[in-house]
Every structure is written in C-alpha cells, then in structure tokens.
C-alpha cells in the first residue's frame, strides 16, 4: 500500500525514513525494520514501528499511522477467509 521510495514521518515530523522495496526503512544511510529504525532515531532500545511511523494521506494531507493500513489489510484478509 506504500510504494518505495515513499517517505514516512513520525507524528511530529521530526524524523523521516524512506520505504525500501523489501519493506524496510532507510534513514541516514542505514537500513532496518520499521521497529529498529524507529528505536534508533529516538535513541531507544525498542519501538512499535506500526504506531510510530506515519504516512501523509493524499486526500487530507494529514499524517496517519501505518498501523491504519495494516488494519485495512487485516480486515480484507478476514473477509476473504470468511
């Protein structure tokens, strides 16, 4: 749903990372998972990348957590499996 090289931000637009073709993120030359990249930019040991990283909604221009997209996919999978 998010195509490379889309840019993700934290909710306050302090940090940015580029989405790579394999689903990982690139930030300042380092590539890692959404969770590891989120932790690294904040100086933390761990991070829930699904809620930390946000995309800009093309319809509203507002930031939405990437977890919102994951919820849509899960709902679609539930309908297919039903």
C-alpha atoms as a PDB file:
ATOM      1  CA  UNK A   1       0.000   0.000   0.000  1.00  0.00           C
ATOM      2  CA  UNK A   2       3.005   2.259   0.471  1.00  0.00           C
ATOM      3  CA  UNK A   3       5.275   2.168  -2.520  1.00  0.00           C
ATOM      4  CA  UNK A   4       9.005   2.833  -2.419  1.00  0.00           C
ATOM      5  CA  UNK A   5      10.546   5.369  -2.197  1.00  0.00           C
ATOM      6  CA  UNK A   6       7.702   6.856  -0.123  1.00  0.00           C
ATOM      7  CA  UNK A   7       8.737   8.891   2.901  1.00  0.00           C
ATOM      8  CA  UNK A   8       7.387   8.111   6.362  1.00  0.00           C
ATOM      9  CA  UNK A   9       7.495  10.541   9.291  1.00  0.00           C
ATOM     10  CA  UNK A  10       6.944  10.354  13.000  1.00  0.00           C
ATOM     11  CA  UNK A  11       3.740  12.076  14.166  1.00  0.00           C
ATOM     12  CA  UNK A  12       5.568  15.367  14.808  1.00  0.00           C
ATOM     13  CA  UNK A  13       7.608  15.252  11.572  1.00  0.00           C
ATOM     14  CA  UNK A  14      10.889  15.236  13.482  1.00  0.00           C
ATOM     15  CA  UNK A  15      12.272  12.190  11.676  1.00  0.00           C
ATOM     16  CA  UNK A  16      11.872  10.832   8.162  1.00  0.00           C
ATOM     17  CA  UNK A  17      12.714   7.498   6.608  1.00  0.00           C
ATOM     18  CA  UNK A  18      12.360   6.170   3.074  1.00  0.00           C
ATOM     19  CA  UNK A  19      10.482   2.950   2.358  1.00  0.00           C
ATOM     20  CA  UNK A  20      12.620   0.377   0.567  1.00  0.00           C
ATOM     21  CA  UNK A  21      11.416  -2.299  -1.882  1.00  0.00           C
ATOM     22  CA  UNK A  22      11.733  -5.036   0.771  1.00  0.00           C
ATOM     23  CA  UNK A  23       9.560  -3.110   3.262  1.00  0.00           C
ATOM     24  CA  UNK A  24      12.429  -1.929   5.422  1.00  0.00           C
ATOM     25  CA  UNK A  25      13.221   1.741   6.044  1.00  0.00           C
ATOM     26  CA  UNK A  26      16.303   3.757   5.204  1.00  0.00           C
ATOM     27  CA  UNK A  27      17.395   6.608   7.466  1.00  0.00           C
ATOM     28  CA  UNK A  28      20.721   8.437   7.144  1.00  0.00           C
ATOM     29  CA  UNK A  29      22.268   5.605   5.146  1.00  0.00           C
ATOM     30  CA  UNK A  30      21.189   2.811   7.481  1.00  0.00           C
ATOM     31  CA  UNK A  31      18.508   0.291   6.570  1.00  0.00           C
ATOM     32  CA  UNK A  32      16.421  -1.641   9.098  1.00  0.00           C
ATOM     33  CA  UNK A  33      12.897  -2.711  10.008  1.00  0.00           C
ATOM     34  CA  UNK A  34      10.208  -0.175  10.889  1.00  0.00           C
ATOM     35  CA  UNK A  35      10.698  -1.098  14.542  1.00  0.00           C
ATOM     36  CA  UNK A  36      14.502  -0.894  14.618  1.00  0.00           C
ATOM     37  CA  UNK A  37      14.585   2.342  12.637  1.00  0.00           C
ATOM     38  CA  UNK A  38      12.020   3.928  14.957  1.00  0.00           C
ATOM     39  CA  UNK A  39      14.002   2.874  18.005  1.00  0.00           C
ATOM     40  CA  UNK A  40      17.276   4.092  16.515  1.00  0.00           C
ATOM     41  CA  UNK A  41      16.065   7.594  15.608  1.00  0.00           C
ATOM     42  CA  UNK A  42      14.650   8.068  19.119  1.00  0.00           C
ATOM     43  CA  UNK A  43      17.666   6.615  20.894  1.00  0.00           C
ATOM     44  CA  UNK A  44      15.527   3.844  22.416  1.00  0.00           C
ATOM     45  CA  UNK A  45      16.050   0.101  22.662  1.00  0.00           C
ATOM     46  CA  UNK A  46      12.639  -0.730  21.159  1.00  0.00           C
ATOM     47  CA  UNK A  47       9.804   0.877  19.236  1.00  0.00           C
ATOM     48  CA  UNK A  48       6.436  -0.143  17.828  1.00  0.00           C
ATOM     49  CA  UNK A  49       7.042   0.941  14.240  1.00  0.00           C
ATOM     50  CA  UNK A  50       3.381   0.428  13.305  1.00  0.00           C
ATOM     51  CA  UNK A  51       2.300   3.297  15.543  1.00  0.00           C
ATOM     52  CA  UNK A  52       5.479   5.398  15.384  1.00  0.00           C
ATOM     53  CA  UNK A  53       5.752   5.805  11.600  1.00  0.00           C
ATOM     54  CA  UNK A  54       3.138   7.802   9.705  1.00  0.00           C
ATOM     55  CA  UNK A  55       2.302   8.415   6.053  1.00  0.00           C
ATOM     56  CA  UNK A  56       0.709  11.509   4.595  1.00  0.00           C
ATOM     57  CA  UNK A  57      -2.846  10.837   3.434  1.00  0.00           C
ATOM     58  CA  UNK A  58      -3.154  12.054  -0.166  1.00  0.00           C
ATOM     59  CA  UNK A  59      -6.804  13.011   0.328  1.00  0.00           C
ATOM     60  CA  UNK A  60      -6.470  15.058   3.531  1.00  0.00           C
ATOM     61  CA  UNK A  61      -2.756  15.867   3.754  1.00  0.00           C
ATOM     62  CA  UNK A  62      -2.804  14.696   7.365  1.00  0.00           C
ATOM     63  CA  UNK A  63      -0.469  12.131   8.841  1.00  0.00           C
ATOM     64  CA  UNK A  64      -1.877   8.680   9.590  1.00  0.00           C
ATOM     65  CA  UNK A  65      -0.030   5.846  11.373  1.00  0.00           C
ATOM     66  CA  UNK A  66       0.957   2.988   9.096  1.00  0.00           C
ATOM     67  CA  UNK A  67      -0.963   0.788  11.529  1.00  0.00           C
ATOM     68  CA  UNK A  68      -4.153   2.149   9.886  1.00  0.00           C
ATOM     69  CA  UNK A  69      -3.088   0.485   6.629  1.00  0.00           C
ATOM     70  CA  UNK A  70      -2.282  -2.757   8.427  1.00  0.00           C
ATOM     71  CA  UNK A  71      -5.801  -2.734   9.903  1.00  0.00           C
ATOM     72  CA  UNK A  72      -7.308  -2.361   6.421  1.00  0.00           C
ATOM     73  CA  UNK A  73      -5.289  -5.331   5.140  1.00  0.00           C
ATOM     74  CA  UNK A  74      -6.311  -7.446   8.127  1.00  0.00           C
ATOM     75  CA  UNK A  75      -9.987  -6.610   7.546  1.00  0.00           C
ATOM     76  CA  UNK A  76      -9.683  -7.564   3.878  1.00  0.00           C
ATOM     77  CA  UNK A  77      -7.988 -10.838   4.785  1.00  0.00           C
ATOM     78  CA  UNK A  78     -10.763 -11.652   7.252  1.00  0.00           C
ATOM     79  CA  UNK A  79     -13.404 -11.099   4.545  1.00  0.00           C
ATOM     80  CA  UNK A  80     -11.547 -13.326   2.080  1.00  0.00           C
ATOM     81  CA  UNK A  81     -11.143 -16.084   4.665  1.00  0.00           C
ATOM     82  CA  UNK A  82     -14.793 -15.974   5.731  1.00  0.00           C
END
